Amino acid sequence: MPVNGGETKRLSGDNRAIGGLAWMPDGREVVYASRRTGRPQELWIVNASGGTPQPLSVAGENASYPAISRTGNRLAYVRSIFDENIWRLDLTGDGKHGSDGPVKLIASTWMDNAPQYSPDGRKVAFGSDRSGSFEIWVCSADGSNPVQLTFLAGHSGTPRWSPDGRRSVFDSHVNGNADIYAIDADGGAPRRLTTDPGSDTMPSWSS
């Protein structure tokens, strides 16, 4: 928008969070960080008058908070590396942890979180961005045989099994704001459960 006020102009239209931005010295373009649809967080450049943003591949994945030198020949940025894994802790009858201590159950070089065992204890549902965007995954109880359930190219997470183990509910930002979805335990097309403009997250089944 103009410094003295006036009409605002939207430059990015994919409803994703912005992780920092910077003007090019000539004022004609803006560099910003965003996790655009189906991609990890990267740096993008867009014309200040509007247009289609283009990726700046020089920064790579998980880049944020860009800064441009006054001469425009240097770019500084932050590159964050996250590696969150899922661990298992066996409990004894008195509620104290076993002698073996925590054991790594589900791991990758990306983010793996929000796990829940299926009601029969044979599978684990969890969220992960190992495919490039946060999706819902299912694996065997020992962490083997991971299978991707959703392909929404958004930010999906916190899966929770239905009491009969036939479905899972989860939240996803695929349409901009977060809504609740349900999906069959063996995959398929997710069904959207909430449609209001508010942010609906962290679902849970009644017993």
C-alpha atoms as a PDB file:
ATOM      1  CA  MET A   1       0.000   0.000   0.000  1.00  0.00           C
ATOM      2  CA  PRO A   2       1.158   3.610  -0.417  1.00  0.00           C
ATOM      3  CA  VAL A   3       3.096   5.073   2.531  1.00  0.00           C
ATOM      4  CA  ASN A   4       0.435   7.741   3.009  1.00  0.00           C
ATOM      5  CA  GLY A   5      -2.366   5.203   3.014  1.00  0.00           C
ATOM      6  CA  GLY A   6      -4.781   4.057   0.381  1.00  0.00           C
ATOM      7  CA  GLU A   7      -5.797   0.817  -1.245  1.00  0.00           C
ATOM      8  CA  THR A   8      -3.884  -2.370  -0.406  1.00  0.00           C
ATOM      9  CA  LYS A   9      -2.846  -4.858  -3.092  1.00  0.00           C
ATOM     10  CA  ARG A  10      -2.490  -8.566  -2.375  1.00  0.00           C
ATOM     11  CA  LEU A  11       0.699 -10.129  -3.786  1.00  0.00           C
ATOM     12  CA  SER A  12       0.408 -13.750  -2.595  1.00  0.00           C
ATOM     13  CA  GLY A  13      -2.887 -15.576  -2.935  1.00  0.00           C
ATOM     14  CA  ASP A  14      -2.327 -19.069  -1.580  1.00  0.00           C
ATOM     15  CA  ASN A  15      -3.417 -18.454   2.046  1.00  0.00           C
ATOM     16  CA  ARG A  16      -0.098 -19.575   3.517  1.00  0.00           C
ATOM     17  CA  ALA A  17       1.858 -17.991   6.362  1.00  0.00           C
ATOM     18  CA  ILE A  18       4.667 -15.594   5.405  1.00  0.00           C
ATOM     19  CA  GLY A  19       8.046 -16.211   7.059  1.00  0.00           C
ATOM     20  CA  GLY A  20       9.640 -12.835   6.470  1.00  0.00           C
ATOM     21  CA  LEU A  21       9.953 -10.540   3.423  1.00  0.00           C
ATOM     22  CA  ALA A  22      12.293  -7.967   1.892  1.00  0.00           C
ATOM     23  CA  TRP A  23      12.159  -5.386  -0.893  1.00  0.00           C
ATOM     24  CA  MET A  24      14.564  -5.495  -3.791  1.00  0.00           C
ATOM     25  CA  PRO A  25      16.621  -2.226  -3.865  1.00  0.00           C
ATOM     26  CA  ASP A  26      14.799  -0.903  -6.945  1.00  0.00           C
ATOM     27  CA  GLY A  27      11.426  -1.359  -5.226  1.00  0.00           C
ATOM     28  CA  ARG A  28      10.017  -3.323  -8.127  1.00  0.00           C
ATOM     29  CA  GLU A  29       9.988  -6.782  -6.521  1.00  0.00           C
ATOM     30  CA  VAL A  30       9.466  -8.375  -3.114  1.00  0.00           C
ATOM     31  CA  VAL A  31      11.216 -11.509  -1.833  1.00  0.00           C
ATOM     32  CA  TYR A  32       9.346 -13.500   0.808  1.00  0.00           C
ATOM     33  CA  ALA A  33       9.305 -16.916   2.480  1.00  0.00           C
ATOM     34  CA  SER A  34       6.253 -19.182   2.279  1.00  0.00           C
ATOM     35  CA  ARG A  35       5.205 -22.822   2.256  1.00  0.00           C
ATOM     36  CA  ARG A  36       3.145 -22.611  -0.918  1.00  0.00           C
ATOM     37  CA  THR A  37       0.785 -25.406  -1.888  1.00  0.00           C
ATOM     38  CA  GLY A  38       2.493 -28.780  -2.127  1.00  0.00           C
ATOM     39  CA  ARG A  39       5.997 -27.437  -1.476  1.00  0.00           C
ATOM     40  CA  PRO A  40       8.253 -26.998   1.567  1.00  0.00           C
ATOM     41  CA  GLN A  41       8.969 -23.477   2.795  1.00  0.00           C
ATOM     42  CA  GLU A  42      11.088 -21.630   0.246  1.00  0.00           C
ATOM     43  CA  LEU A  43      11.935 -18.097  -0.841  1.00  0.00           C
ATOM     44  CA  TRP A  44       9.748 -16.584  -3.556  1.00  0.00           C
ATOM     45  CA  ILE A  45       9.963 -13.385  -5.578  1.00  0.00           C
ATOM     46  CA  VAL A  46       6.962 -11.470  -6.896  1.00  0.00           C
ATOM     47  CA  ASN A  47       6.513  -8.206  -8.765  1.00  0.00           C
ATOM     48  CA  ALA A  48       5.404  -5.406  -6.446  1.00  0.00           C
ATOM     49  CA  SER A  49       2.632  -4.562  -8.889  1.00  0.00           C
ATOM     50  CA  GLY A  50       1.305  -8.138  -8.793  1.00  0.00           C
ATOM     51  CA  GLY A  51       1.757 -11.310 -10.779  1.00  0.00           C
ATOM     52  CA  THR A  52       2.667 -14.955 -10.246  1.00  0.00           C
ATOM     53  CA  PRO A  53       5.330 -15.557  -7.547  1.00  0.00           C
ATOM     54  CA  GLN A  54       8.430 -17.429  -8.723  1.00  0.00           C
ATOM     55  CA  PRO A  55      10.647 -19.623  -6.503  1.00  0.00           C
ATOM     56  CA  LEU A  56      14.206 -18.563  -5.650  1.00  0.00           C
ATOM     57  CA  SER A  57      15.862 -21.978  -5.768  1.00  0.00           C
ATOM     58  CA  VAL A  58      19.222 -20.599  -4.600  1.00  0.00           C
ATOM     59  CA  ALA A  59      18.039 -20.620  -0.967  1.00  0.00           C
ATOM     60  CA  GLY A  60      16.702 -24.186  -0.920  1.00  0.00           C
ATOM     61  CA  GLU A  61      14.124 -25.664   1.427  1.00  0.00           C
ATOM     62  CA  ASN A  62      13.171 -24.314   4.885  1.00  0.00           C
ATOM     63  CA  ALA A  63      14.428 -20.817   4.066  1.00  0.00           C
ATOM     64  CA  SER A  64      12.953 -17.776   5.817  1.00  0.00           C
ATOM     65  CA  TYR A  65      13.540 -14.129   6.846  1.00  0.00           C
ATOM     66  CA  PRO A  66      15.319 -12.888   3.699  1.00  0.00           C
ATOM     67  CA  ALA A  67      17.412  -9.692   3.669  1.00  0.00           C
ATOM     68  CA  ILE A  68      18.721  -7.995   0.508  1.00  0.00           C
ATOM     69  CA  SER A  69      21.889  -5.881   0.380  1.00  0.00           C
ATOM     70  CA  ARG A  70      21.482  -2.256  -0.734  1.00  0.00           C
ATOM     71  CA  THR A  71      23.264  -2.975  -3.978  1.00  0.00           C
ATOM     72  CA  GLY A  72      21.008  -5.962  -4.627  1.00  0.00           C
ATOM     73  CA  ASN A  73      23.870  -8.383  -5.272  1.00  0.00           C
ATOM     74  CA  ARG A  74      23.692 -10.300  -1.962  1.00  0.00           C
ATOM     75  CA  LEU A  75      20.951 -12.238  -0.220  1.00  0.00           C
ATOM     76  CA  ALA A  76      20.989 -13.277   3.437  1.00  0.00           C
ATOM     77  CA  TYR A  77      18.416 -15.656   4.904  1.00  0.00           C
ATOM     78  CA  VAL A  78      17.766 -18.154   7.689  1.00  0.00           C
ATOM     79  CA  ARG A  79      17.637 -21.875   6.926  1.00  0.00           C
ATOM     80  CA  SER A  80      15.987 -23.900   9.693  1.00  0.00           C
ATOM     81  CA  ILE A  81      16.431 -27.652   9.966  1.00  0.00           C
ATOM     82  CA  PHE A  82      13.778 -29.558  11.928  1.00  0.00           C
ATOM     83  CA  ASP A  83      13.975 -33.284  12.661  1.00  0.00           C
ATOM     84  CA  GLU A  84      11.225 -34.329  15.049  1.00  0.00           C
ATOM     85  CA  ASN A  85      10.790 -38.062  15.689  1.00  0.00           C
ATOM     86  CA  ILE A  86       8.294 -40.250  17.535  1.00  0.00           C
ATOM     87  CA  TRP A  87       9.454 -42.275  20.525  1.00  0.00           C
ATOM     88  CA  ARG A  88       7.904 -45.094  22.555  1.00  0.00           C
ATOM     89  CA  LEU A  89       8.224 -45.611  26.301  1.00  0.00           C
ATOM     90  CA  ASP A  90       7.143 -48.951  27.758  1.00  0.00           C
ATOM     91  CA  LEU A  91       5.344 -48.691  31.101  1.00  0.00           C
ATOM     92  CA  THR A  92       5.232 -51.228  33.933  1.00  0.00           C
ATOM     93  CA  GLY A  93       2.160 -51.994  35.966  1.00  0.00           C
ATOM     94  CA  ASP A  94       2.985 -49.391  38.601  1.00  0.00           C
ATOM     95  CA  GLY A  95       3.084 -46.631  35.978  1.00  0.00           C
ATOM     96  CA  LYS A  96       6.857 -46.256  35.971  1.00  0.00           C
ATOM     97  CA  HIS A  97       8.859 -46.488  32.772  1.00  0.00           C
ATOM     98  CA  GLY A  98      10.663 -49.694  31.912  1.00  0.00           C
ATOM     99  CA  SER A  99      14.386 -50.234  32.300  1.00  0.00           C
ATOM    100  CA  ASP A 100      15.077 -49.926  28.567  1.00  0.00           C
ATOM    101  CA  GLY A 101      14.105 -46.242  28.472  1.00  0.00           C
ATOM    102  CA  PRO A 102      12.618 -44.447  25.452  1.00  0.00           C
ATOM    103  CA  VAL A 103      12.960 -46.149  22.058  1.00  0.00           C
ATOM    104  CA  LYS A 104      12.816 -44.321  18.719  1.00  0.00           C
ATOM    105  CA  LEU A 105       9.718 -45.680  16.962  1.00  0.00           C
ATOM    106  CA  ILE A 106       9.054 -43.512  13.893  1.00  0.00           C
ATOM    107  CA  ALA A 107      11.853 -41.428  12.403  1.00  0.00           C
ATOM    108  CA  SER A 108      12.896 -39.624   9.237  1.00  0.00           C
ATOM    109  CA  THR A 109      14.981 -36.568   8.441  1.00  0.00           C
ATOM    110  CA  TRP A 110      11.745 -34.523   8.519  1.00  0.00           C
ATOM    111  CA  MET A 111       9.007 -33.794  11.066  1.00  0.00           C
ATOM    112  CA  ASP A 112       7.076 -36.791  12.455  1.00  0.00           C
ATOM    113  CA  ASN A 113       4.590 -36.000  15.218  1.00  0.00           C
ATOM    114  CA  ALA A 114       1.076 -36.320  16.734  1.00  0.00           C
ATOM    115  CA  PRO A 115       1.044 -40.161  16.921  1.00  0.00           C
ATOM    116  CA  GLN A 116      -1.852 -42.331  18.094  1.00  0.00           C
ATOM    117  CA  TYR A 117      -2.186 -46.123  18.275  1.00  0.00           C
ATOM    118  CA  SER A 118      -5.203 -47.674  16.579  1.00  0.00           C
ATOM    119  CA  PRO A 119      -7.790 -49.164  18.982  1.00  0.00           C
ATOM    120  CA  ASP A 120      -6.495 -52.697  18.332  1.00  0.00           C
ATOM    121  CA  GLY A 121      -2.891 -51.571  18.901  1.00  0.00           C
ATOM    122  CA  ARG A 122      -1.724 -52.855  15.529  1.00  0.00           C
ATOM    123  CA  LYS A 123      -1.123 -49.510  13.764  1.00  0.00           C
ATOM    124  CA  VAL A 124      -0.028 -45.938  14.468  1.00  0.00           C
ATOM    125  CA  ALA A 125      -1.406 -42.849  12.742  1.00  0.00           C
ATOM    126  CA  PHE A 126       0.828 -39.765  12.682  1.00  0.00           C
ATOM    127  CA  GLY A 127       1.552 -36.527  10.867  1.00  0.00           C
ATOM    128  CA  SER A 128       4.689 -35.987   8.769  1.00  0.00           C
ATOM    129  CA  ASP A 129       6.073 -33.627   6.139  1.00  0.00           C
ATOM    130  CA  ARG A 130       8.448 -36.244   4.714  1.00  0.00           C
ATOM    131  CA  SER A 131       6.602 -36.017   1.380  1.00  0.00           C
ATOM    132  CA  GLY A 132       7.205 -32.247   1.127  1.00  0.00           C
ATOM    133  CA  SER A 133       3.988 -31.118   2.854  1.00  0.00           C
ATOM    134  CA  PHE A 134       2.372 -32.194   6.116  1.00  0.00           C
ATOM    135  CA  GLU A 135       0.176 -35.236   5.448  1.00  0.00           C
ATOM    136  CA  ILE A 136      -1.403 -38.073   7.441  1.00  0.00           C
ATOM    137  CA  TRP A 137       0.526 -41.361   7.563  1.00  0.00           C
ATOM    138  CA  VAL A 138      -0.089 -44.825   9.022  1.00  0.00           C
ATOM    139  CA  CYS A 139       2.472 -47.482   9.945  1.00  0.00           C
ATOM    140  CA  SER A 140       2.643 -50.791  11.793  1.00  0.00           C
ATOM    141  CA  ALA A 141       2.808 -50.699  15.602  1.00  0.00           C
ATOM    142  CA  ASP A 142       6.580 -51.253  15.500  1.00  0.00           C
ATOM    143  CA  GLY A 143       7.094 -48.230  13.196  1.00  0.00           C
ATOM    144  CA  SER A 144       7.598 -50.261  10.010  1.00  0.00           C
ATOM    145  CA  ASN A 145       5.715 -50.052   6.689  1.00  0.00           C
ATOM    146  CA  PRO A 146       4.779 -46.333   6.668  1.00  0.00           C
ATOM    147  CA  VAL A 147       1.991 -45.521   4.189  1.00  0.00           C
ATOM    148  CA  GLN A 148       0.861 -42.025   3.193  1.00  0.00           C
ATOM    149  CA  LEU A 149      -2.936 -41.686   3.601  1.00  0.00           C
ATOM    150  CA  THR A 150      -3.581 -38.107   2.457  1.00  0.00           C
ATOM    151  CA  PHE A 151      -2.334 -36.195  -0.574  1.00  0.00           C
ATOM    152  CA  LEU A 152      -3.895 -32.793   0.124  1.00  0.00           C
ATOM    153  CA  ALA A 153      -0.719 -30.751  -0.420  1.00  0.00           C
ATOM    154  CA  GLY A 154      -1.665 -28.631   2.572  1.00  0.00           C
ATOM    155  CA  HIS A 155      -0.818 -28.734   6.255  1.00  0.00           C
ATOM    156  CA  SER A 156      -2.611 -31.760   7.760  1.00  0.00           C
ATOM    157  CA  GLY A 157      -2.092 -33.161  11.235  1.00  0.00           C
ATOM    158  CA  THR A 158      -3.332 -34.522  14.607  1.00  0.00           C
ATOM    159  CA  PRO A 159      -4.952 -37.721  13.284  1.00  0.00           C
ATOM    160  CA  ARG A 160      -7.248 -39.531  15.734  1.00  0.00           C
ATOM    161  CA  TRP A 161      -8.718 -43.000  15.252  1.00  0.00           C
ATOM    162  CA  SER A 162     -12.435 -43.707  15.486  1.00  0.00           C
ATOM    163  CA  PRO A 163     -13.341 -46.134  18.316  1.00  0.00           C
ATOM    164  CA  ASP A 164     -13.957 -48.940  15.801  1.00  0.00           C
ATOM    165  CA  GLY A 165     -10.613 -48.299  14.053  1.00  0.00           C
ATOM    166  CA  ARG A 166     -12.263 -47.882  10.645  1.00  0.00           C
ATOM    167  CA  ARG A 167     -11.586 -44.160  10.168  1.00  0.00           C
ATOM    168  CA  SER A 168      -9.464 -41.263  11.341  1.00  0.00           C
ATOM    169  CA  VAL A 169     -10.246 -37.583  11.756  1.00  0.00           C
ATOM    170  CA  PHE A 170      -7.632 -34.861  11.341  1.00  0.00           C
ATOM    171  CA  ASP A 171      -7.274 -31.149  10.668  1.00  0.00           C
ATOM    172  CA  SER A 172      -5.985 -29.619   7.452  1.00  0.00           C
ATOM    173  CA  HIS A 173      -5.275 -26.130   6.111  1.00  0.00           C
ATOM    174  CA  VAL A 174      -5.724 -27.192   2.486  1.00  0.00           C
ATOM    175  CA  ASN A 175      -8.443 -24.579   1.896  1.00  0.00           C
ATOM    176  CA  GLY A 176      -6.661 -21.745   3.692  1.00  0.00           C
ATOM    177  CA  ASN A 177      -8.216 -21.905   7.150  1.00  0.00           C
ATOM    178  CA  ALA A 178      -8.150 -25.128   9.164  1.00  0.00           C
ATOM    179  CA  ASP A 179     -11.053 -27.567   8.893  1.00  0.00           C
ATOM    180  CA  ILE A 180     -11.750 -31.088  10.152  1.00  0.00           C
ATOM    181  CA  TYR A 181     -11.674 -34.044   7.748  1.00  0.00           C
ATOM    182  CA  ALA A 182     -12.316 -37.794   8.016  1.00  0.00           C
ATOM    183  CA  ILE A 183     -10.643 -40.565   6.026  1.00  0.00           C
ATOM    184  CA  ASP A 184     -10.971 -44.343   5.916  1.00  0.00           C
ATOM    185  CA  ALA A 185      -8.260 -46.305   7.697  1.00  0.00           C
ATOM    186  CA  ASP A 186      -6.990 -47.716   4.382  1.00  0.00           C
ATOM    187  CA  GLY A 187      -6.993 -44.335   2.621  1.00  0.00           C
ATOM    188  CA  GLY A 188      -9.173 -42.913  -0.130  1.00  0.00           C
ATOM    189  CA  ALA A 189     -10.751 -39.497  -0.585  1.00  0.00           C
ATOM    190  CA  PRO A 190     -10.986 -37.481   2.672  1.00  0.00           C
ATOM    191  CA  ARG A 191     -14.415 -36.111   3.627  1.00  0.00           C
ATOM    192  CA  ARG A 192     -14.604 -32.533   4.881  1.00  0.00           C
ATOM    193  CA  LEU A 193     -16.600 -32.278   8.116  1.00  0.00           C
ATOM    194  CA  THR A 194     -16.459 -28.548   8.949  1.00  0.00           C
ATOM    195  CA  THR A 195     -16.961 -25.626   6.579  1.00  0.00           C
ATOM    196  CA  ASP A 196     -17.196 -22.537   8.789  1.00  0.00           C
ATOM    197  CA  PRO A 197     -14.690 -19.675   8.313  1.00  0.00           C
ATOM    198  CA  GLY A 198     -13.117 -20.221  11.746  1.00  0.00           C
ATOM    199  CA  SER A 199     -10.055 -22.342  12.502  1.00  0.00           C
ATOM    200  CA  ASP A 200     -11.093 -25.916  13.425  1.00  0.00           C
ATOM    201  CA  THR A 201      -8.247 -28.086  14.747  1.00  0.00           C
ATOM    202  CA  MET A 202      -7.279 -31.030  16.968  1.00  0.00           C
ATOM    203  CA  PRO A 203     -10.390 -33.229  16.592  1.00  0.00           C
ATOM    204  CA  SER A 204     -11.302 -36.087  18.922  1.00  0.00           C
ATOM    205  CA  TRP A 205     -13.928 -38.850  18.706  1.00  0.00           C
ATOM    206  CA  SER A 206     -16.460 -39.393  21.489  1.00  0.00           C
ATOM    207  CA  SER A 207     -16.269 -42.851  23.068  1.00  0.00           C
END
